[in-house]
Structures are given as C-alpha cells and as structure tokens.
Amino acid sequence: MNRVTVVTHPLVQHKLTLMRRKDASSNSFRRLLGELSTLMAYEVTRDMPLQDMPIETPLEAMTGKVIDGKKLVFVSILRAGNGFLDGMLNVVPGARVGHVGLYRDPATLQAVEYYFKMPSGMDARDVVVVDPMLATGNSAAACVDRIKRLDPRSIKFVCLLAAPEGIHRLHKAHPDVPIFTAAIDRELNDHGYILPGLGDAGDRIFGTK
C-alpha cells in the first residue's frame, strides 16, 4: 500500500460511518459527503507550493504566503465525482475543474469513455482526480491514462472508499499517482461493488437506482 494515505481524522471517520448506513437519506448523504470532502481536501493540498505576496494589514505592510489556486485542477469522474467536487472547491475556490465521463460496462467491468473536458494549459497544472469509490480501479486508471496525455505537473487520486483490488489496479498502471482515501475496505463482490462499502455512491447522491 505504498503511496496510499488513509485520512484517519476522527471527523472524517465519524462522517463516513454515518454515510455508510443504509437508512441515510440522499439529502443526508450529500451533506455528509460535502463535509467529508472538505476535510479531506486539507490533507490532499498539504504539500501545495506557496508563493510570497506583499500585502498591507490594518497596521503595516508585510509579505504573506498564498497558493495559486489557478494552477490546481480538480477532475471529476462523472457522475459521482461531482458529489465530491463542491467540498474540495470550498477549500480552493480558485481551482479549475475538468470532467471525465466514464461508465462501467456491466459485462466486462471495463471503463468506457463518453466525455472529456479539461482546462487549457494542463502542462502547467497540478491535477487532483476525485471519485467517491475506487472499486475495480478500471475507471480510475482509464481517467489517469487520458489525463497523462496532457502532461500535467502532477496527478493525485482522491476517493471516499477504496478496495484493495482497485488500489492494486491503479498503482499497477500508474505507480507514480498517490491515492488518498478515508478507508480501505475488505474486498469486491462478484459485481464489482466494495464490501462492506456503502452501496452505489452515484445512486445515493442523486437518489436514483
């Protein structure tokens, strides 16, 4: 599990447990996901570079430190990734946003791309890919494959839950991409769902089946 960071902050673990409950409403699930993703954003952005900015306080001039949010791109894997996005943008509102549309073929469990839209100048940007679930890892690996063609400065992957199989698949394809997650669950079932998991994140976010 090299290059995997499990965010064990008590508030993250508390909110994740509440989200796992099968009787949690869509409204509650969305709210908790937004809060949890905001908390995780602090860990993911911990090593972001800073630059000096001259400012004036009410008392005197000084030089402070700021991040250049315009150099950061949050990439949402549609559709469930959008549920993770708002919390991240709460922390870095100046970040750009990209979208990758992928669906999982139910027969093969392989990722099929149907949409791809990124900001310009990706070669000067740091990318954080967001998707609540890292299950088989096929969608994550396909997304990173596509993004790497644009030669960004760096790529990180952030998820709510990860299965060992998904971590292995993503790191086999992209050993240079660090993974941040709130929990590593036991395994996948025959349909590619994480166990014990929390069900289909997209369905629970949007109230669909």
C-alpha atoms as a PDB file:
ATOM      1  CA  MET A   1       0.000   0.000   0.000  1.00  0.00           C
ATOM      2  CA  ASN A   2       2.846   2.384  -0.770  1.00  0.00           C
ATOM      3  CA  ARG A   3       1.716   5.864  -1.817  1.00  0.00           C
ATOM      4  CA  VAL A   4      -1.695   5.369  -0.180  1.00  0.00           C
ATOM      5  CA  THR A   5      -2.760   7.849   2.507  1.00  0.00           C
ATOM      6  CA  VAL A   6      -5.730   6.897   4.700  1.00  0.00           C
ATOM      7  CA  VAL A   7      -7.183  10.042   6.253  1.00  0.00           C
ATOM      8  CA  THR A   8      -7.918   8.903   9.808  1.00  0.00           C
ATOM      9  CA  HIS A   9      -9.053  12.209  11.289  1.00  0.00           C
ATOM     10  CA  PRO A  10     -11.895  11.499  13.775  1.00  0.00           C
ATOM     11  CA  LEU A  11     -14.339  13.806  11.965  1.00  0.00           C
ATOM     12  CA  VAL A  12     -13.683  12.040   8.657  1.00  0.00           C
ATOM     13  CA  GLN A  13     -14.248   8.604  10.182  1.00  0.00           C
ATOM     14  CA  HIS A  14     -17.366   9.770  12.041  1.00  0.00           C
ATOM     15  CA  LYS A  15     -18.995  11.192   8.900  1.00  0.00           C
ATOM     16  CA  LEU A  16     -18.027   8.147   6.836  1.00  0.00           C
ATOM     17  CA  THR A  17     -19.769   5.831   9.310  1.00  0.00           C
ATOM     18  CA  LEU A  18     -22.942   7.937   9.117  1.00  0.00           C
ATOM     19  CA  MET A  19     -22.809   7.790   5.318  1.00  0.00           C
ATOM     20  CA  ARG A  20     -22.466   4.011   5.264  1.00  0.00           C
ATOM     21  CA  ARG A  21     -25.820   3.471   6.991  1.00  0.00           C
ATOM     22  CA  LYS A  22     -28.371   2.099   4.546  1.00  0.00           C
ATOM     23  CA  ASP A  23     -31.112   4.300   6.013  1.00  0.00           C
ATOM     24  CA  ALA A  24     -29.229   7.562   5.410  1.00  0.00           C
ATOM     25  CA  SER A  25     -31.337   9.780   3.125  1.00  0.00           C
ATOM     26  CA  SER A  26     -29.977  11.234  -0.118  1.00  0.00           C
ATOM     27  CA  ASN A  27     -30.048  14.677   1.477  1.00  0.00           C
ATOM     28  CA  SER A  28     -28.053  13.459   4.472  1.00  0.00           C
ATOM     29  CA  PHE A  29     -25.647  11.518   2.254  1.00  0.00           C
ATOM     30  CA  ARG A  30     -24.940  14.557   0.052  1.00  0.00           C
ATOM     31  CA  ARG A  31     -24.430  16.840   3.043  1.00  0.00           C
ATOM     32  CA  LEU A  32     -22.046  14.431   4.749  1.00  0.00           C
ATOM     33  CA  LEU A  33     -20.114  13.848   1.521  1.00  0.00           C
ATOM     34  CA  GLY A  34     -19.651  17.591   1.073  1.00  0.00           C
ATOM     35  CA  GLU A  35     -18.427  17.991   4.643  1.00  0.00           C
ATOM     36  CA  LEU A  36     -16.132  14.979   4.409  1.00  0.00           C
ATOM     37  CA  SER A  37     -14.611  16.034   1.086  1.00  0.00           C
ATOM     38  CA  THR A  38     -13.857  19.486   2.536  1.00  0.00           C
ATOM     39  CA  LEU A  39     -11.994  17.826   5.397  1.00  0.00           C
ATOM     40  CA  MET A  40     -10.081  15.543   3.035  1.00  0.00           C
ATOM     41  CA  ALA A  41      -9.110  18.497   0.867  1.00  0.00           C
ATOM     42  CA  TYR A  42      -6.922  19.822   3.665  1.00  0.00           C
ATOM     43  CA  GLU A  43      -4.866  16.607   3.615  1.00  0.00           C
ATOM     44  CA  VAL A  44      -4.682  16.422  -0.178  1.00  0.00           C
ATOM     45  CA  THR A  45      -3.449  20.020  -0.503  1.00  0.00           C
ATOM     46  CA  ARG A  46      -0.973  19.809   2.379  1.00  0.00           C
ATOM     47  CA  ASP A  47       2.081  19.929   0.087  1.00  0.00           C
ATOM     48  CA  MET A  48       0.834  22.575  -2.343  1.00  0.00           C
ATOM     49  CA  PRO A  49       3.571  25.110  -3.140  1.00  0.00           C
ATOM     50  CA  LEU A  50       3.286  28.616  -1.731  1.00  0.00           C
ATOM     51  CA  GLN A  51       4.447  31.934  -3.101  1.00  0.00           C
ATOM     52  CA  ASP A  52       5.095  35.299  -1.474  1.00  0.00           C
ATOM     53  CA  MET A  53       2.504  38.060  -1.701  1.00  0.00           C
ATOM     54  CA  PRO A  54       3.073  41.604  -0.417  1.00  0.00           C
ATOM     55  CA  ILE A  55       0.000  42.866   1.466  1.00  0.00           C
ATOM     56  CA  GLU A  56      -0.949  45.551   3.946  1.00  0.00           C
ATOM     57  CA  THR A  57      -2.582  44.700   7.252  1.00  0.00           C
ATOM     58  CA  PRO A  58      -4.513  47.431   9.119  1.00  0.00           C
ATOM     59  CA  LEU A  59      -1.224  48.186  10.875  1.00  0.00           C
ATOM     60  CA  GLU A  60       1.638  47.752   8.409  1.00  0.00           C
ATOM     61  CA  ALA A  61       2.976  46.206   5.218  1.00  0.00           C
ATOM     62  CA  MET A  62       4.113  42.582   5.225  1.00  0.00           C
ATOM     63  CA  THR A  63       4.750  39.611   2.960  1.00  0.00           C
ATOM     64  CA  GLY A  64       2.386  36.659   3.326  1.00  0.00           C
ATOM     65  CA  LYS A  65       2.127  33.226   1.738  1.00  0.00           C
ATOM     66  CA  VAL A  66      -0.551  32.233  -0.776  1.00  0.00           C
ATOM     67  CA  ILE A  67      -1.263  29.288  -3.048  1.00  0.00           C
ATOM     68  CA  ASP A  68      -2.011  29.734  -6.732  1.00  0.00           C
ATOM     69  CA  GLY A  69      -5.375  28.024  -6.964  1.00  0.00           C
ATOM     70  CA  LYS A  70      -5.494  28.679 -10.709  1.00  0.00           C
ATOM     71  CA  LYS A  71      -2.698  26.139 -11.140  1.00  0.00           C
ATOM     72  CA  LEU A  72      -4.806  23.400  -9.489  1.00  0.00           C
ATOM     73  CA  VAL A  73      -7.374  21.348 -11.400  1.00  0.00           C
ATOM     74  CA  PHE A  74      -9.976  19.157  -9.741  1.00  0.00           C
ATOM     75  CA  VAL A  75     -11.034  16.472 -12.219  1.00  0.00           C
ATOM     76  CA  SER A  76     -14.396  14.862 -11.521  1.00  0.00           C
ATOM     77  CA  ILE A  77     -15.116  11.373 -12.830  1.00  0.00           C
ATOM     78  CA  LEU A  78     -18.791  11.668 -13.769  1.00  0.00           C
ATOM     79  CA  ARG A  79     -21.235  11.360 -12.329  1.00  0.00           C
ATOM     80  CA  ALA A  80     -20.480  10.534  -8.710  1.00  0.00           C
ATOM     81  CA  GLY A  81     -17.304  12.606  -8.672  1.00  0.00           C
ATOM     82  CA  ASN A  82     -19.433  15.753  -8.751  1.00  0.00           C
ATOM     83  CA  GLY A  83     -20.631  14.932  -5.254  1.00  0.00           C
ATOM     84  CA  PHE A  84     -17.025  15.170  -4.080  1.00  0.00           C
ATOM     85  CA  LEU A  85     -16.270  18.343  -6.014  1.00  0.00           C
ATOM     86  CA  ASP A  86     -18.073  21.056  -4.035  1.00  0.00           C
ATOM     87  CA  GLY A  87     -16.301  20.266  -0.786  1.00  0.00           C
ATOM     88  CA  MET A  88     -12.932  20.487  -2.489  1.00  0.00           C
ATOM     89  CA  LEU A  89     -13.836  23.813  -4.095  1.00  0.00           C
ATOM     90  CA  ASN A  90     -14.799  25.175  -0.681  1.00  0.00           C
ATOM     91  CA  VAL A  91     -11.127  24.899   0.259  1.00  0.00           C
ATOM     92  CA  VAL A  92      -9.614  26.064  -3.059  1.00  0.00           C
ATOM     93  CA  PRO A  93     -12.313  28.134  -4.815  1.00  0.00           C
ATOM     94  CA  GLY A  94      -9.820  29.384  -7.409  1.00  0.00           C
ATOM     95  CA  ALA A  95      -9.160  25.899  -8.768  1.00  0.00           C
ATOM     96  CA  ARG A  96     -10.152  24.975 -12.293  1.00  0.00           C
ATOM     97  CA  VAL A  97     -12.426  21.982 -12.916  1.00  0.00           C
ATOM     98  CA  GLY A  98     -12.224  19.221 -15.504  1.00  0.00           C
ATOM     99  CA  HIS A  99     -14.691  16.403 -16.204  1.00  0.00           C
ATOM    100  CA  VAL A 100     -14.237  12.862 -17.453  1.00  0.00           C
ATOM    101  CA  GLY A 101     -17.333  10.859 -18.343  1.00  0.00           C
ATOM    102  CA  LEU A 102     -16.862   7.126 -17.844  1.00  0.00           C
ATOM    103  CA  TYR A 103     -19.294   4.281 -17.360  1.00  0.00           C
ATOM    104  CA  ARG A 104     -18.548   0.736 -16.352  1.00  0.00           C
ATOM    105  CA  ASP A 105     -19.564  -1.928 -18.846  1.00  0.00           C
ATOM    106  CA  PRO A 106     -21.702  -4.303 -16.734  1.00  0.00           C
ATOM    107  CA  ALA A 107     -20.412  -7.372 -18.548  1.00  0.00           C
ATOM    108  CA  THR A 108     -16.677  -6.677 -18.569  1.00  0.00           C
ATOM    109  CA  LEU A 109     -16.446  -4.084 -15.725  1.00  0.00           C
ATOM    110  CA  GLN A 110     -14.148  -2.102 -18.053  1.00  0.00           C
ATOM    111  CA  ALA A 111     -14.368   1.689 -18.301  1.00  0.00           C
ATOM    112  CA  VAL A 112     -15.904   3.264 -21.408  1.00  0.00           C
ATOM    113  CA  GLU A 113     -15.280   6.984 -22.014  1.00  0.00           C
ATOM    114  CA  TYR A 114     -18.112   9.219 -23.279  1.00  0.00           C
ATOM    115  CA  TYR A 115     -16.940  12.737 -22.283  1.00  0.00           C
ATOM    116  CA  PHE A 116     -13.659  14.553 -21.696  1.00  0.00           C
ATOM    117  CA  LYS A 117     -13.236  18.283 -20.994  1.00  0.00           C
ATOM    118  CA  MET A 118     -10.193  19.915 -19.379  1.00  0.00           C
ATOM    119  CA  PRO A 119      -8.967  23.478 -18.808  1.00  0.00           C
ATOM    120  CA  SER A 120      -6.269  24.834 -21.095  1.00  0.00           C
ATOM    121  CA  GLY A 121      -2.591  24.819 -20.185  1.00  0.00           C
ATOM    122  CA  MET A 122      -2.659  21.469 -18.419  1.00  0.00           C
ATOM    123  CA  ASP A 123       1.124  21.121 -18.699  1.00  0.00           C
ATOM    124  CA  ALA A 124       1.464  23.843 -16.026  1.00  0.00           C
ATOM    125  CA  ARG A 125      -1.172  22.445 -13.669  1.00  0.00           C
ATOM    126  CA  ASP A 126      -1.432  20.016 -10.742  1.00  0.00           C
ATOM    127  CA  VAL A 127      -4.374  17.606 -11.013  1.00  0.00           C
ATOM    128  CA  VAL A 128      -6.499  16.084  -8.263  1.00  0.00           C
ATOM    129  CA  VAL A 129      -8.861  13.395  -9.603  1.00  0.00           C
ATOM    130  CA  VAL A 130     -11.970  12.916  -7.448  1.00  0.00           C
ATOM    131  CA  ASP A 131     -14.317   9.910  -7.375  1.00  0.00           C
ATOM    132  CA  PRO A 132     -16.057   8.566  -4.258  1.00  0.00           C
ATOM    133  CA  MET A 133     -15.246   4.916  -4.968  1.00  0.00           C
ATOM    134  CA  LEU A 134     -12.050   3.169  -6.075  1.00  0.00           C
ATOM    135  CA  ALA A 135     -13.540  -0.268  -6.725  1.00  0.00           C
ATOM    136  CA  THR A 136     -12.096  -2.239  -9.654  1.00  0.00           C
ATOM    137  CA  GLY A 137      -9.762   0.655 -10.439  1.00  0.00           C
ATOM    138  CA  ASN A 138     -10.541   0.432 -14.161  1.00  0.00           C
ATOM    139  CA  SER A 139     -12.226   3.841 -14.367  1.00  0.00           C
ATOM    140  CA  ALA A 140      -9.516   5.492 -12.284  1.00  0.00           C
ATOM    141  CA  ALA A 141      -6.731   4.002 -14.417  1.00  0.00           C
ATOM    142  CA  ALA A 142      -8.509   4.974 -17.656  1.00  0.00           C
ATOM    143  CA  CYS A 143      -9.032   8.524 -16.375  1.00  0.00           C
ATOM    144  CA  VAL A 144      -5.389   8.933 -15.397  1.00  0.00           C
ATOM    145  CA  ASP A 145      -4.301   7.453 -18.755  1.00  0.00           C
ATOM    146  CA  ARG A 146      -6.311  10.139 -20.529  1.00  0.00           C
ATOM    147  CA  ILE A 147      -5.099  12.996 -18.337  1.00  0.00           C
ATOM    148  CA  LYS A 148      -1.442  11.993 -18.684  1.00  0.00           C
ATOM    149  CA  ARG A 149      -1.647  12.644 -22.424  1.00  0.00           C
ATOM    150  CA  LEU A 150      -1.902  16.343 -21.486  1.00  0.00           C
ATOM    151  CA  ASP A 151       1.339  16.129 -19.465  1.00  0.00           C
ATOM    152  CA  PRO A 152       0.263  17.829 -16.188  1.00  0.00           C
ATOM    153  CA  ARG A 153       2.854  18.637 -13.499  1.00  0.00           C
ATOM    154  CA  SER A 154       1.386  16.084 -11.083  1.00  0.00           C
ATOM    155  CA  ILE A 155      -1.660  13.871 -10.502  1.00  0.00           C
ATOM    156  CA  LYS A 156      -3.290  12.702  -7.259  1.00  0.00           C
ATOM    157  CA  PHE A 157      -6.342  10.476  -6.836  1.00  0.00           C
ATOM    158  CA  VAL A 158      -8.844  11.073  -4.024  1.00  0.00           C
ATOM    159  CA  CYS A 159     -11.692   8.760  -3.055  1.00  0.00           C
ATOM    160  CA  LEU A 160     -14.001   8.078  -0.164  1.00  0.00           C
ATOM    161  CA  LEU A 161     -13.571   4.295  -0.153  1.00  0.00           C
ATOM    162  CA  ALA A 162     -11.004   2.044  -1.797  1.00  0.00           C
ATOM    163  CA  ALA A 163     -10.883  -1.707  -2.339  1.00  0.00           C
ATOM    164  CA  PRO A 164      -7.503  -3.489  -2.314  1.00  0.00           C
ATOM    165  CA  GLU A 165      -8.189  -4.612  -5.883  1.00  0.00           C
ATOM    166  CA  GLY A 166      -8.708  -1.022  -7.034  1.00  0.00           C
ATOM    167  CA  ILE A 167      -5.541   0.210  -5.343  1.00  0.00           C
ATOM    168  CA  HIS A 168      -3.555  -2.601  -6.969  1.00  0.00           C
ATOM    169  CA  ARG A 169      -5.046  -1.897 -10.417  1.00  0.00           C
ATOM    170  CA  LEU A 170      -4.431   1.864 -10.284  1.00  0.00           C
ATOM    171  CA  HIS A 171      -0.897   1.530  -8.945  1.00  0.00           C
ATOM    172  CA  LYS A 172      -0.011  -1.218 -11.406  1.00  0.00           C
ATOM    173  CA  ALA A 173      -0.931   1.155 -14.237  1.00  0.00           C
ATOM    174  CA  HIS A 174       0.273   4.362 -12.565  1.00  0.00           C
ATOM    175  CA  PRO A 175       2.697   3.731  -9.691  1.00  0.00           C
ATOM    176  CA  ASP A 176       3.548   7.452  -9.574  1.00  0.00           C
ATOM    177  CA  VAL A 177      -0.004   8.552  -8.621  1.00  0.00           C
ATOM    178  CA  PRO A 178      -0.629   8.827  -4.851  1.00  0.00           C
ATOM    179  CA  ILE A 179      -4.039   7.762  -3.522  1.00  0.00           C
ATOM    180  CA  PHE A 180      -5.899   9.499  -0.693  1.00  0.00           C
ATOM    181  CA  THR A 181      -8.888   7.727   0.863  1.00  0.00           C
ATOM    182  CA  ALA A 182     -10.975   7.712   4.025  1.00  0.00           C
ATOM    183  CA  ALA A 183     -10.953   3.889   4.272  1.00  0.00           C
ATOM    184  CA  ILE A 184      -9.659   0.729   2.623  1.00  0.00           C
ATOM    185  CA  ASP A 185     -12.466  -1.823   2.713  1.00  0.00           C
ATOM    186  CA  ARG A 186     -12.223  -5.608   2.608  1.00  0.00           C
ATOM    187  CA  GLU A 187     -12.878  -6.673  -0.997  1.00  0.00           C
ATOM    188  CA  LEU A 188     -15.087  -6.517  -4.081  1.00  0.00           C
ATOM    189  CA  ASN A 189     -18.124  -8.711  -4.660  1.00  0.00           C
ATOM    190  CA  ASP A 190     -18.843 -10.500  -7.949  1.00  0.00           C
ATOM    191  CA  HIS A 191     -20.494  -7.354  -9.345  1.00  0.00           C
ATOM    192  CA  GLY A 192     -17.525  -5.116  -8.592  1.00  0.00           C
ATOM    193  CA  TYR A 193     -19.052  -3.406  -5.547  1.00  0.00           C
ATOM    194  CA  ILE A 194     -16.934  -2.633  -2.487  1.00  0.00           C
ATOM    195  CA  LEU A 195     -17.642  -4.671   0.676  1.00  0.00           C
ATOM    196  CA  PRO A 196     -18.750  -3.631   3.248  1.00  0.00           C
ATOM    197  CA  GLY A 197     -18.899  -0.364   1.296  1.00  0.00           C
ATOM    198  CA  LEU A 198     -21.852   1.977   1.186  1.00  0.00           C
ATOM    199  CA  GLY A 199     -23.673   0.936  -1.981  1.00  0.00           C
ATOM    200  CA  ASP A 200     -23.623   2.839  -5.263  1.00  0.00           C
ATOM    201  CA  ALA A 201     -22.353   6.344  -4.433  1.00  0.00           C
ATOM    202  CA  GLY A 202     -23.949   7.941  -7.504  1.00  0.00           C
ATOM    203  CA  ASP A 203     -27.369   6.484  -6.726  1.00  0.00           C
ATOM    204  CA  ARG A 204     -27.135   7.579  -3.106  1.00  0.00           C
ATOM    205  CA  ILE A 205     -26.015  11.101  -4.021  1.00  0.00           C
ATOM    206  CA  PHE A 206     -28.718  11.685  -6.614  1.00  0.00           C
ATOM    207  CA  GLY A 207     -31.492   9.471  -5.275  1.00  0.00           C
ATOM    208  CA  THR A 208     -31.549   7.178  -8.323  1.00  0.00           C
ATOM    209  CA  LYS A 209     -31.308   3.443  -8.857  1.00  0.00           C
END
